[in-house]
């Protein structure tokens, strides 16, 4: 792994992050409504409105606001929330742990379930097991987060009452009971995110493994008398994981977008829920800060994926 390879990926990530910051800054200002009205009386005097605009820095030309925002961002300052009068960093850091728990849990479950299902489908290619797994994977890819979330919420939360219909933790729980309560609240949101990712992992693993199983080194391992299970898992799966590694990085973007909808449906107190609330409150700094944080997470995940892929496949380093 060369420094040039890592540096190129890092520079590309920084440019992507700057582009995301710029687009977010201008898009949030296209939202209909007046941010001043959300924090004060709609019938306020013009003098009060002008003072609030000046306090929020919204009375300056748009490009001046943009330059000021970039200058603050470079210093690690995300600004102050209009609505809560707190630093945006404080607001988001209270929500970030819940989003990390949800997204990382969903990704872990997806990988643990998706890769074995893909291997099972590949080793039973063109059989009835393979057909069932393919249909399930394609169906999962065609579903939308809101439809999955509402269905799970209604069936398992409302009708059966097996899981809570909102929140992330019982307010009066502590110790072991708090951990169990957190897991209990996590099940449905996590499953909603797993469904939107699972199909990609399964189908990619299946197609790649079928191709890998036809390689000469796999035939050689079989000719040497290596056990069928070892041939699959020690020889074929190791190389078939390369495209799946790429999928893991790319899927994070879909996972982040799905988390916004999922946290809204389940009233889960993460970054996604904060974005939903900030839109209704016209809280520009929180919206900008949340999108910057999510964009940075996607950029870092893709950088790690590129580096991991370069380590697994030396040919990528020279491309």
C-alpha atoms as a PDB file:
ATOM      1  CA  UNK A   1       0.000   0.000   0.000  1.00  0.00           C
ATOM      2  CA  UNK A   2       1.635   3.236  -1.172  1.00  0.00           C
ATOM      3  CA  UNK A   3       1.206   6.706   0.262  1.00  0.00           C
ATOM      4  CA  UNK A   4       0.271   7.935  -3.223  1.00  0.00           C
ATOM      5  CA  UNK A   5      -2.642   5.482  -3.336  1.00  0.00           C
ATOM      6  CA  UNK A   6      -3.930   6.573   0.077  1.00  0.00           C
ATOM      7  CA  UNK A   7      -3.318  10.259  -0.655  1.00  0.00           C
ATOM      8  CA  UNK A   8      -5.255  10.115  -3.920  1.00  0.00           C
ATOM      9  CA  UNK A   9      -8.234   8.512  -2.185  1.00  0.00           C
ATOM     10  CA  UNK A  10      -8.030  11.012   0.671  1.00  0.00           C
ATOM     11  CA  UNK A  11      -7.981  13.988  -1.703  1.00  0.00           C
ATOM     12  CA  UNK A  12     -10.949  12.572  -3.598  1.00  0.00           C
ATOM     13  CA  UNK A  13     -12.806  12.163  -0.300  1.00  0.00           C
ATOM     14  CA  UNK A  14     -12.106  15.771   0.744  1.00  0.00           C
ATOM     15  CA  UNK A  15     -13.387  17.094  -2.591  1.00  0.00           C
ATOM     16  CA  UNK A  16     -16.524  14.971  -2.212  1.00  0.00           C
ATOM     17  CA  UNK A  17     -17.044  16.277   1.320  1.00  0.00           C
ATOM     18  CA  UNK A  18     -16.642  19.907   0.173  1.00  0.00           C
ATOM     19  CA  UNK A  19     -19.182  19.322  -2.601  1.00  0.00           C
ATOM     20  CA  UNK A  20     -21.653  17.785  -0.124  1.00  0.00           C
ATOM     21  CA  UNK A  21     -21.183  20.711   2.285  1.00  0.00           C
ATOM     22  CA  UNK A  22     -21.748  23.246  -0.506  1.00  0.00           C
ATOM     23  CA  UNK A  23     -24.867  21.570  -1.882  1.00  0.00           C
ATOM     24  CA  UNK A  24     -26.318  21.184   1.613  1.00  0.00           C
ATOM     25  CA  UNK A  25     -25.660  24.829   2.499  1.00  0.00           C
ATOM     26  CA  UNK A  26     -27.574  26.175  -0.486  1.00  0.00           C
ATOM     27  CA  UNK A  27     -30.332  23.549  -0.526  1.00  0.00           C
ATOM     28  CA  UNK A  28     -31.442  24.130   3.064  1.00  0.00           C
ATOM     29  CA  UNK A  29     -31.954  27.786   2.222  1.00  0.00           C
ATOM     30  CA  UNK A  30     -34.400  26.832  -0.492  1.00  0.00           C
ATOM     31  CA  UNK A  31     -36.770  25.339   2.092  1.00  0.00           C
ATOM     32  CA  UNK A  32     -40.095  27.195   2.232  1.00  0.00           C
ATOM     33  CA  UNK A  33     -40.707  29.213   5.363  1.00  0.00           C
ATOM     34  CA  UNK A  34     -38.955  31.670   7.629  1.00  0.00           C
ATOM     35  CA  UNK A  35     -36.510  30.338  10.262  1.00  0.00           C
ATOM     36  CA  UNK A  36     -37.131  33.384  12.437  1.00  0.00           C
ATOM     37  CA  UNK A  37     -40.847  32.550  12.735  1.00  0.00           C
ATOM     38  CA  UNK A  38     -40.046  29.109  14.206  1.00  0.00           C
ATOM     39  CA  UNK A  39     -38.302  30.627  17.223  1.00  0.00           C
ATOM     40  CA  UNK A  40     -40.430  33.722  17.779  1.00  0.00           C
ATOM     41  CA  UNK A  41     -43.962  35.076  17.493  1.00  0.00           C
ATOM     42  CA  UNK A  42     -45.202  35.106  13.853  1.00  0.00           C
ATOM     43  CA  UNK A  43     -46.690  38.532  14.603  1.00  0.00           C
ATOM     44  CA  UNK A  44     -43.356  40.011  15.724  1.00  0.00           C
ATOM     45  CA  UNK A  45     -42.406  43.535  14.778  1.00  0.00           C
ATOM     46  CA  UNK A  46     -40.086  44.219  11.866  1.00  0.00           C
ATOM     47  CA  UNK A  47     -37.482  45.534  14.304  1.00  0.00           C
ATOM     48  CA  UNK A  48     -37.455  42.244  16.232  1.00  0.00           C
ATOM     49  CA  UNK A  49     -37.351  40.220  13.040  1.00  0.00           C
ATOM     50  CA  UNK A  50     -34.406  42.242  11.745  1.00  0.00           C
ATOM     51  CA  UNK A  51     -32.575  41.765  15.062  1.00  0.00           C
ATOM     52  CA  UNK A  52     -33.114  37.981  14.979  1.00  0.00           C
ATOM     53  CA  UNK A  53     -31.922  37.780  11.368  1.00  0.00           C
ATOM     54  CA  UNK A  54     -28.794  39.683  12.380  1.00  0.00           C
ATOM     55  CA  UNK A  55     -28.262  37.407  15.403  1.00  0.00           C
ATOM     56  CA  UNK A  56     -28.556  34.320  13.173  1.00  0.00           C
ATOM     57  CA  UNK A  57     -26.308  35.876  10.537  1.00  0.00           C
ATOM     58  CA  UNK A  58     -29.048  35.599   7.904  1.00  0.00           C
ATOM     59  CA  UNK A  59     -29.098  39.295   7.022  1.00  0.00           C
ATOM     60  CA  UNK A  60     -25.824  39.074   5.084  1.00  0.00           C
ATOM     61  CA  UNK A  61     -25.494  38.151   1.385  1.00  0.00           C
ATOM     62  CA  UNK A  62     -25.673  34.421   0.719  1.00  0.00           C
ATOM     63  CA  UNK A  63     -22.090  34.108  -0.512  1.00  0.00           C
ATOM     64  CA  UNK A  64     -20.843  35.935   2.575  1.00  0.00           C
ATOM     65  CA  UNK A  65     -22.779  33.484   4.756  1.00  0.00           C
ATOM     66  CA  UNK A  66     -21.262  30.595   2.787  1.00  0.00           C
ATOM     67  CA  UNK A  67     -17.713  31.882   3.212  1.00  0.00           C
ATOM     68  CA  UNK A  68     -18.269  32.439   6.926  1.00  0.00           C
ATOM     69  CA  UNK A  69     -19.701  28.944   7.319  1.00  0.00           C
ATOM     70  CA  UNK A  70     -16.705  27.336   5.571  1.00  0.00           C
ATOM     71  CA  UNK A  71     -14.313  29.316   7.747  1.00  0.00           C
ATOM     72  CA  UNK A  72     -16.098  28.131  10.903  1.00  0.00           C
ATOM     73  CA  UNK A  73     -16.287  24.568   9.599  1.00  0.00           C
ATOM     74  CA  UNK A  74     -12.527  24.392   9.041  1.00  0.00           C
ATOM     75  CA  UNK A  75     -12.130  25.340  12.713  1.00  0.00           C
ATOM     76  CA  UNK A  76     -14.507  22.569  13.758  1.00  0.00           C
ATOM     77  CA  UNK A  77     -17.339  24.968  14.596  1.00  0.00           C
ATOM     78  CA  UNK A  78     -20.750  23.840  13.300  1.00  0.00           C
ATOM     79  CA  UNK A  79     -22.541  26.904  14.646  1.00  0.00           C
ATOM     80  CA  UNK A  80     -25.424  27.360  17.097  1.00  0.00           C
ATOM     81  CA  UNK A  81     -28.857  25.806  16.855  1.00  0.00           C
ATOM     82  CA  UNK A  82     -31.534  28.422  16.130  1.00  0.00           C
ATOM     83  CA  UNK A  83     -34.168  26.504  18.041  1.00  0.00           C
ATOM     84  CA  UNK A  84     -32.255  25.123  21.028  1.00  0.00           C
ATOM     85  CA  UNK A  85     -29.632  27.878  21.443  1.00  0.00           C
ATOM     86  CA  UNK A  86     -26.992  25.171  21.903  1.00  0.00           C
ATOM     87  CA  UNK A  87     -23.854  24.391  19.904  1.00  0.00           C
ATOM     88  CA  UNK A  88     -24.739  22.117  17.010  1.00  0.00           C
ATOM     89  CA  UNK A  89     -21.905  19.819  18.065  1.00  0.00           C
ATOM     90  CA  UNK A  90     -23.600  19.314  21.433  1.00  0.00           C
ATOM     91  CA  UNK A  91     -26.974  18.619  19.816  1.00  0.00           C
ATOM     92  CA  UNK A  92     -25.544  16.074  17.380  1.00  0.00           C
ATOM     93  CA  UNK A  93     -23.224  14.342  19.856  1.00  0.00           C
ATOM     94  CA  UNK A  94     -26.282  13.523  21.977  1.00  0.00           C
ATOM     95  CA  UNK A  95     -27.846  11.784  18.955  1.00  0.00           C
ATOM     96  CA  UNK A  96     -24.775  10.229  17.322  1.00  0.00           C
ATOM     97  CA  UNK A  97     -24.359   7.215  19.670  1.00  0.00           C
ATOM     98  CA  UNK A  98     -27.907   6.033  18.907  1.00  0.00           C
ATOM     99  CA  UNK A  99     -27.363   6.268  15.148  1.00  0.00           C
ATOM    100  CA  UNK A 100     -24.051   4.400  15.447  1.00  0.00           C
ATOM    101  CA  UNK A 101     -25.706   1.643  17.454  1.00  0.00           C
ATOM    102  CA  UNK A 102     -28.491   1.309  14.895  1.00  0.00           C
ATOM    103  CA  UNK A 103     -26.416   1.461  11.694  1.00  0.00           C
ATOM    104  CA  UNK A 104     -23.526  -0.700  12.910  1.00  0.00           C
ATOM    105  CA  UNK A 105     -25.936  -3.300  14.282  1.00  0.00           C
ATOM    106  CA  UNK A 106     -27.799  -3.390  10.971  1.00  0.00           C
ATOM    107  CA  UNK A 107     -24.560  -3.723   8.994  1.00  0.00           C
ATOM    108  CA  UNK A 108     -23.257  -6.492  11.265  1.00  0.00           C
ATOM    109  CA  UNK A 109     -26.495  -8.472  11.014  1.00  0.00           C
ATOM    110  CA  UNK A 110     -26.580  -7.988   7.237  1.00  0.00           C
ATOM    111  CA  UNK A 111     -23.030  -9.289   6.787  1.00  0.00           C
ATOM    112  CA  UNK A 112     -23.471 -12.215   9.185  1.00  0.00           C
ATOM    113  CA  UNK A 113     -26.703 -13.298   7.467  1.00  0.00           C
ATOM    114  CA  UNK A 114     -26.068 -12.146   3.884  1.00  0.00           C
ATOM    115  CA  UNK A 115     -22.708 -13.818   3.213  1.00  0.00           C
ATOM    116  CA  UNK A 116     -23.768 -17.330   4.354  1.00  0.00           C
ATOM    117  CA  UNK A 117     -27.013 -17.020   2.375  1.00  0.00           C
ATOM    118  CA  UNK A 118     -25.032 -16.028  -0.714  1.00  0.00           C
ATOM    119  CA  UNK A 119     -22.686 -18.982  -0.207  1.00  0.00           C
ATOM    120  CA  UNK A 120     -25.645 -21.324   0.277  1.00  0.00           C
ATOM    121  CA  UNK A 121     -27.283 -20.075  -2.928  1.00  0.00           C
ATOM    122  CA  UNK A 122     -24.017 -20.441  -4.900  1.00  0.00           C
ATOM    123  CA  UNK A 123     -23.371 -23.988  -3.683  1.00  0.00           C
ATOM    124  CA  UNK A 124     -26.958 -24.941  -4.548  1.00  0.00           C
ATOM    125  CA  UNK A 125     -26.961 -23.060  -7.879  1.00  0.00           C
ATOM    126  CA  UNK A 126     -30.055 -23.594 -10.021  1.00  0.00           C
ATOM    127  CA  UNK A 127     -31.676 -25.679  -7.289  1.00  0.00           C
ATOM    128  CA  UNK A 128     -34.836 -24.849  -5.372  1.00  0.00           C
ATOM    129  CA  UNK A 129     -32.863 -23.392  -2.438  1.00  0.00           C
ATOM    130  CA  UNK A 130     -31.035 -21.069  -4.839  1.00  0.00           C
ATOM    131  CA  UNK A 131     -34.296 -19.973  -6.441  1.00  0.00           C
ATOM    132  CA  UNK A 132     -35.918 -19.170  -3.097  1.00  0.00           C
ATOM    133  CA  UNK A 133     -32.886 -17.143  -1.953  1.00  0.00           C
ATOM    134  CA  UNK A 134     -32.748 -15.244  -5.261  1.00  0.00           C
ATOM    135  CA  UNK A 135     -36.442 -14.366  -5.101  1.00  0.00           C
ATOM    136  CA  UNK A 136     -36.021 -13.227  -1.498  1.00  0.00           C
ATOM    137  CA  UNK A 137     -32.970 -11.119  -2.363  1.00  0.00           C
ATOM    138  CA  UNK A 138     -34.635  -9.428  -5.339  1.00  0.00           C
ATOM    139  CA  UNK A 139     -37.779  -8.799  -3.282  1.00  0.00           C
ATOM    140  CA  UNK A 140     -35.755  -7.232  -0.468  1.00  0.00           C
ATOM    141  CA  UNK A 141     -34.005  -4.918  -2.949  1.00  0.00           C
ATOM    142  CA  UNK A 142     -37.325  -3.719  -4.342  1.00  0.00           C
ATOM    143  CA  UNK A 143     -38.812  -2.745  -0.980  1.00  0.00           C
ATOM    144  CA  UNK A 144     -38.758   0.780   0.462  1.00  0.00           C
ATOM    145  CA  UNK A 145     -37.760   1.635   4.007  1.00  0.00           C
ATOM    146  CA  UNK A 146     -41.093   3.341   4.889  1.00  0.00           C
ATOM    147  CA  UNK A 147     -43.147   0.368   3.714  1.00  0.00           C
ATOM    148  CA  UNK A 148     -40.964  -2.109   5.607  1.00  0.00           C
ATOM    149  CA  UNK A 149     -40.890   0.058   8.722  1.00  0.00           C
ATOM    150  CA  UNK A 150     -44.635   0.671   8.831  1.00  0.00           C
ATOM    151  CA  UNK A 151     -45.356  -3.028   8.201  1.00  0.00           C
ATOM    152  CA  UNK A 152     -43.042  -4.231  10.985  1.00  0.00           C
ATOM    153  CA  UNK A 153     -44.264  -1.529  13.337  1.00  0.00           C
ATOM    154  CA  UNK A 154     -47.918  -2.350  12.749  1.00  0.00           C
ATOM    155  CA  UNK A 155     -47.605  -6.156  12.899  1.00  0.00           C
ATOM    156  CA  UNK A 156     -45.034  -6.653  15.666  1.00  0.00           C
ATOM    157  CA  UNK A 157     -45.536  -3.427  17.580  1.00  0.00           C
ATOM    158  CA  UNK A 158     -49.269  -2.687  17.374  1.00  0.00           C
ATOM    159  CA  UNK A 159     -51.028  -5.984  16.598  1.00  0.00           C
ATOM    160  CA  UNK A 160     -48.792  -8.437  18.459  1.00  0.00           C
ATOM    161  CA  UNK A 161     -47.276  -5.996  20.936  1.00  0.00           C
ATOM    162  CA  UNK A 162     -43.952  -7.840  20.970  1.00  0.00           C
ATOM    163  CA  UNK A 163     -41.795  -4.744  20.581  1.00  0.00           C
ATOM    164  CA  UNK A 164     -42.038  -1.040  21.516  1.00  0.00           C
ATOM    165  CA  UNK A 165     -43.477   1.252  18.859  1.00  0.00           C
ATOM    166  CA  UNK A 166     -41.065   4.114  19.483  1.00  0.00           C
ATOM    167  CA  UNK A 167     -38.061   5.428  21.376  1.00  0.00           C
ATOM    168  CA  UNK A 168     -34.723   3.796  22.135  1.00  0.00           C
ATOM    169  CA  UNK A 169     -34.862   3.103  25.858  1.00  0.00           C
ATOM    170  CA  UNK A 170     -37.318   2.908  28.724  1.00  0.00           C
ATOM    171  CA  UNK A 171     -36.786   6.118  30.741  1.00  0.00           C
ATOM    172  CA  UNK A 172     -36.888   4.355  34.121  1.00  0.00           C
ATOM    173  CA  UNK A 173     -34.561   1.475  33.164  1.00  0.00           C
ATOM    174  CA  UNK A 174     -31.041   1.194  34.572  1.00  0.00           C
ATOM    175  CA  UNK A 175     -28.163  -1.275  34.625  1.00  0.00           C
ATOM    176  CA  UNK A 176     -28.866  -4.612  32.945  1.00  0.00           C
ATOM    177  CA  UNK A 177     -32.509  -3.659  32.481  1.00  0.00           C
ATOM    178  CA  UNK A 178     -31.418  -0.609  30.458  1.00  0.00           C
ATOM    179  CA  UNK A 179     -29.269  -2.771  28.152  1.00  0.00           C
ATOM    180  CA  UNK A 180     -32.129  -5.208  27.605  1.00  0.00           C
ATOM    181  CA  UNK A 181     -34.530  -2.334  26.998  1.00  0.00           C
ATOM    182  CA  UNK A 182     -32.151  -0.832  24.434  1.00  0.00           C
ATOM    183  CA  UNK A 183     -31.942  -4.154  22.567  1.00  0.00           C
ATOM    184  CA  UNK A 184     -35.726  -4.529  22.747  1.00  0.00           C
ATOM    185  CA  UNK A 185     -36.224  -1.100  21.156  1.00  0.00           C
ATOM    186  CA  UNK A 186     -33.489  -1.779  18.589  1.00  0.00           C
ATOM    187  CA  UNK A 187     -34.972  -4.914  16.990  1.00  0.00           C
ATOM    188  CA  UNK A 188     -37.541  -3.386  14.637  1.00  0.00           C
ATOM    189  CA  UNK A 189     -35.463  -0.401  13.409  1.00  0.00           C
ATOM    190  CA  UNK A 190     -32.502  -2.716  12.858  1.00  0.00           C
ATOM    191  CA  UNK A 191     -34.580  -5.224  10.879  1.00  0.00           C
ATOM    192  CA  UNK A 192     -35.929  -2.412   8.704  1.00  0.00           C
ATOM    193  CA  UNK A 193     -32.385  -1.427   7.698  1.00  0.00           C
ATOM    194  CA  UNK A 194     -31.279  -5.045   7.268  1.00  0.00           C
ATOM    195  CA  UNK A 195     -34.031  -5.667   4.718  1.00  0.00           C
ATOM    196  CA  UNK A 196     -32.896  -2.846   2.423  1.00  0.00           C
ATOM    197  CA  UNK A 197     -29.271  -4.081   2.418  1.00  0.00           C
ATOM    198  CA  UNK A 198     -29.564  -7.850   2.563  1.00  0.00           C
ATOM    199  CA  UNK A 199     -30.479  -8.448  -1.073  1.00  0.00           C
ATOM    200  CA  UNK A 200     -27.354  -6.716  -2.383  1.00  0.00           C
ATOM    201  CA  UNK A 201     -25.017  -8.787  -0.215  1.00  0.00           C
ATOM    202  CA  UNK A 202     -26.728 -12.085  -0.999  1.00  0.00           C
ATOM    203  CA  UNK A 203     -26.936 -11.625  -4.771  1.00  0.00           C
ATOM    204  CA  UNK A 204     -23.412 -10.219  -5.087  1.00  0.00           C
ATOM    205  CA  UNK A 205     -21.926 -13.025  -3.013  1.00  0.00           C
ATOM    206  CA  UNK A 206     -23.855 -15.651  -4.975  1.00  0.00           C
ATOM    207  CA  UNK A 207     -22.820 -14.454  -8.441  1.00  0.00           C
ATOM    208  CA  UNK A 208     -19.180 -13.846  -7.465  1.00  0.00           C
ATOM    209  CA  UNK A 209     -18.818 -17.218  -5.734  1.00  0.00           C
ATOM    210  CA  UNK A 210     -20.311 -19.113  -8.682  1.00  0.00           C
ATOM    211  CA  UNK A 211     -17.692 -17.497 -10.938  1.00  0.00           C
ATOM    212  CA  UNK A 212     -14.899 -18.153  -8.427  1.00  0.00           C
ATOM    213  CA  UNK A 213     -15.841 -21.830  -8.076  1.00  0.00           C
ATOM    214  CA  UNK A 214     -15.001 -22.340 -11.763  1.00  0.00           C
ATOM    215  CA  UNK A 215     -11.405 -21.125 -11.347  1.00  0.00           C
ATOM    216  CA  UNK A 216      -8.479 -23.506 -11.822  1.00  0.00           C
ATOM    217  CA  UNK A 217      -7.157 -23.203  -8.270  1.00  0.00           C
ATOM    218  CA  UNK A 218     -10.516 -24.387  -6.913  1.00  0.00           C
ATOM    219  CA  UNK A 219     -10.426 -27.398  -9.244  1.00  0.00           C
ATOM    220  CA  UNK A 220      -6.862 -28.081  -8.104  1.00  0.00           C
ATOM    221  CA  UNK A 221      -7.881 -27.981  -4.446  1.00  0.00           C
ATOM    222  CA  UNK A 222     -10.637 -30.490  -5.156  1.00  0.00           C
ATOM    223  CA  UNK A 223      -8.211 -32.742  -7.047  1.00  0.00           C
ATOM    224  CA  UNK A 224      -5.907 -32.742  -4.010  1.00  0.00           C
ATOM    225  CA  UNK A 225      -8.733 -34.146  -1.932  1.00  0.00           C
ATOM    226  CA  UNK A 226      -9.501 -31.017   0.118  1.00  0.00           C
ATOM    227  CA  UNK A 227     -12.841 -31.323   1.887  1.00  0.00           C
ATOM    228  CA  UNK A 228     -15.730 -29.629  -0.017  1.00  0.00           C
ATOM    229  CA  UNK A 229     -16.432 -27.269   2.874  1.00  0.00           C
ATOM    230  CA  UNK A 230     -12.785 -26.186   3.045  1.00  0.00           C
ATOM    231  CA  UNK A 231     -12.688 -25.681  -0.732  1.00  0.00           C
ATOM    232  CA  UNK A 232     -15.631 -23.309  -0.491  1.00  0.00           C
ATOM    233  CA  UNK A 233     -14.782 -21.369   2.662  1.00  0.00           C
ATOM    234  CA  UNK A 234     -10.961 -21.346   2.654  1.00  0.00           C
ATOM    235  CA  UNK A 235     -10.308 -21.000  -1.064  1.00  0.00           C
ATOM    236  CA  UNK A 236     -13.323 -19.705  -2.997  1.00  0.00           C
ATOM    237  CA  UNK A 237     -15.065 -17.482  -0.440  1.00  0.00           C
ATOM    238  CA  UNK A 238     -11.866 -15.616   0.437  1.00  0.00           C
ATOM    239  CA  UNK A 239     -11.526 -14.330  -3.136  1.00  0.00           C
ATOM    240  CA  UNK A 240     -15.256 -13.884  -3.641  1.00  0.00           C
ATOM    241  CA  UNK A 241     -15.299 -11.454  -0.705  1.00  0.00           C
ATOM    242  CA  UNK A 242     -13.541  -8.737  -2.740  1.00  0.00           C
ATOM    243  CA  UNK A 243     -16.704  -7.399  -4.453  1.00  0.00           C
ATOM    244  CA  UNK A 244     -18.607  -7.798  -1.190  1.00  0.00           C
ATOM    245  CA  UNK A 245     -16.066  -5.514   0.477  1.00  0.00           C
ATOM    246  CA  UNK A 246     -16.900  -2.860  -2.099  1.00  0.00           C
ATOM    247  CA  UNK A 247     -20.621  -3.386  -1.512  1.00  0.00           C
ATOM    248  CA  UNK A 248     -20.101  -2.799   2.232  1.00  0.00           C
ATOM    249  CA  UNK A 249     -18.723   0.681   1.552  1.00  0.00           C
ATOM    250  CA  UNK A 250     -21.300   1.590  -1.060  1.00  0.00           C
ATOM    251  CA  UNK A 251     -24.179   0.348   1.056  1.00  0.00           C
ATOM    252  CA  UNK A 252     -23.306   2.776   3.834  1.00  0.00           C
ATOM    253  CA  UNK A 253     -24.798   5.585   1.764  1.00  0.00           C
ATOM    254  CA  UNK A 254     -28.084   3.690   1.477  1.00  0.00           C
ATOM    255  CA  UNK A 255     -27.837   2.815   5.161  1.00  0.00           C
ATOM    256  CA  UNK A 256     -27.497   6.483   6.127  1.00  0.00           C
ATOM    257  CA  UNK A 257     -30.472   7.465   3.962  1.00  0.00           C
ATOM    258  CA  UNK A 258     -32.489   4.575   5.348  1.00  0.00           C
ATOM    259  CA  UNK A 259     -31.586   5.560   8.900  1.00  0.00           C
ATOM    260  CA  UNK A 260     -33.203   8.994   8.449  1.00  0.00           C
ATOM    261  CA  UNK A 261     -36.524   7.405   7.458  1.00  0.00           C
ATOM    262  CA  UNK A 262     -36.251   4.553   9.953  1.00  0.00           C
ATOM    263  CA  UNK A 263     -35.494   6.818  12.907  1.00  0.00           C
ATOM    264  CA  UNK A 264     -38.434   9.006  11.939  1.00  0.00           C
ATOM    265  CA  UNK A 265     -40.862   6.081  11.700  1.00  0.00           C
ATOM    266  CA  UNK A 266     -39.787   4.588  15.027  1.00  0.00           C
ATOM    267  CA  UNK A 267     -39.170   7.941  16.788  1.00  0.00           C
ATOM    268  CA  UNK A 268     -35.617   6.725  17.353  1.00  0.00           C
ATOM    269  CA  UNK A 269     -33.501   9.562  18.832  1.00  0.00           C
ATOM    270  CA  UNK A 270     -30.625   9.491  16.337  1.00  0.00           C
ATOM    271  CA  UNK A 271     -29.159  11.859  13.751  1.00  0.00           C
ATOM    272  CA  UNK A 272     -31.916  10.965  11.280  1.00  0.00           C
ATOM    273  CA  UNK A 273     -34.598  12.008  13.722  1.00  0.00           C
ATOM    274  CA  UNK A 274     -32.691  15.246  14.373  1.00  0.00           C
ATOM    275  CA  UNK A 275     -32.731  15.979  10.628  1.00  0.00           C
ATOM    276  CA  UNK A 276     -36.482  15.414  10.467  1.00  0.00           C
ATOM    277  CA  UNK A 277     -37.082  17.741  13.425  1.00  0.00           C
ATOM    278  CA  UNK A 278     -34.684  20.396  12.089  1.00  0.00           C
ATOM    279  CA  UNK A 279     -36.516  20.517   8.745  1.00  0.00           C
ATOM    280  CA  UNK A 280     -39.791  21.313  10.493  1.00  0.00           C
ATOM    281  CA  UNK A 281     -38.114  23.916  12.682  1.00  0.00           C
ATOM    282  CA  UNK A 282     -36.051  25.493   9.851  1.00  0.00           C
ATOM    283  CA  UNK A 283     -32.976  24.994  12.032  1.00  0.00           C
ATOM    284  CA  UNK A 284     -30.319  25.534   9.354  1.00  0.00           C
ATOM    285  CA  UNK A 285     -27.220  24.951  11.527  1.00  0.00           C
ATOM    286  CA  UNK A 286     -28.476  21.579  12.810  1.00  0.00           C
ATOM    287  CA  UNK A 287     -29.459  20.492   9.290  1.00  0.00           C
ATOM    288  CA  UNK A 288     -26.067  21.516   7.891  1.00  0.00           C
ATOM    289  CA  UNK A 289     -24.170  19.918  10.758  1.00  0.00           C
ATOM    290  CA  UNK A 290     -26.081  16.651  10.495  1.00  0.00           C
ATOM    291  CA  UNK A 291     -25.514  16.381   6.748  1.00  0.00           C
ATOM    292  CA  UNK A 292     -21.824  17.232   7.145  1.00  0.00           C
ATOM    293  CA  UNK A 293     -21.502  14.501   9.764  1.00  0.00           C
ATOM    294  CA  UNK A 294     -23.297  11.912   7.627  1.00  0.00           C
ATOM    295  CA  UNK A 295     -21.360  12.895   4.489  1.00  0.00           C
ATOM    296  CA  UNK A 296     -18.093  12.597   6.404  1.00  0.00           C
ATOM    297  CA  UNK A 297     -19.114   9.126   7.615  1.00  0.00           C
ATOM    298  CA  UNK A 298     -19.801   7.994   4.047  1.00  0.00           C
ATOM    299  CA  UNK A 299     -16.512   9.480   2.775  1.00  0.00           C
ATOM    300  CA  UNK A 300     -14.523   7.792   5.559  1.00  0.00           C
ATOM    301  CA  UNK A 301     -16.279   4.468   4.956  1.00  0.00           C
ATOM    302  CA  UNK A 302     -15.480   4.616   1.246  1.00  0.00           C
ATOM    303  CA  UNK A 303     -11.870   5.562   1.993  1.00  0.00           C
ATOM    304  CA  UNK A 304     -11.534   2.583   4.335  1.00  0.00           C
ATOM    305  CA  UNK A 305     -13.145   0.375   1.677  1.00  0.00           C
ATOM    306  CA  UNK A 306     -10.689   1.566  -0.986  1.00  0.00           C
ATOM    307  CA  UNK A 307      -7.733   0.934   1.315  1.00  0.00           C
ATOM    308  CA  UNK A 308      -9.057  -2.503   2.328  1.00  0.00           C
ATOM    309  CA  UNK A 309      -9.647  -3.419  -1.305  1.00  0.00           C
ATOM    310  CA  UNK A 310      -6.120  -2.282  -2.153  1.00  0.00           C
ATOM    311  CA  UNK A 311      -4.728  -4.524   0.571  1.00  0.00           C
ATOM    312  CA  UNK A 312      -6.795  -7.498  -0.616  1.00  0.00           C
ATOM    313  CA  UNK A 313      -6.106  -6.971  -4.311  1.00  0.00           C
ATOM    314  CA  UNK A 314      -2.694  -5.412  -5.163  1.00  0.00           C
ATOM    315  CA  UNK A 315      -3.840  -4.722  -8.741  1.00  0.00           C
ATOM    316  CA  UNK A 316      -6.090  -1.916  -7.441  1.00  0.00           C
ATOM    317  CA  UNK A 317      -3.084   0.060  -6.127  1.00  0.00           C
ATOM    318  CA  UNK A 318      -1.736   0.625  -9.620  1.00  0.00           C
ATOM    319  CA  UNK A 319      -5.089   1.436 -11.266  1.00  0.00           C
END
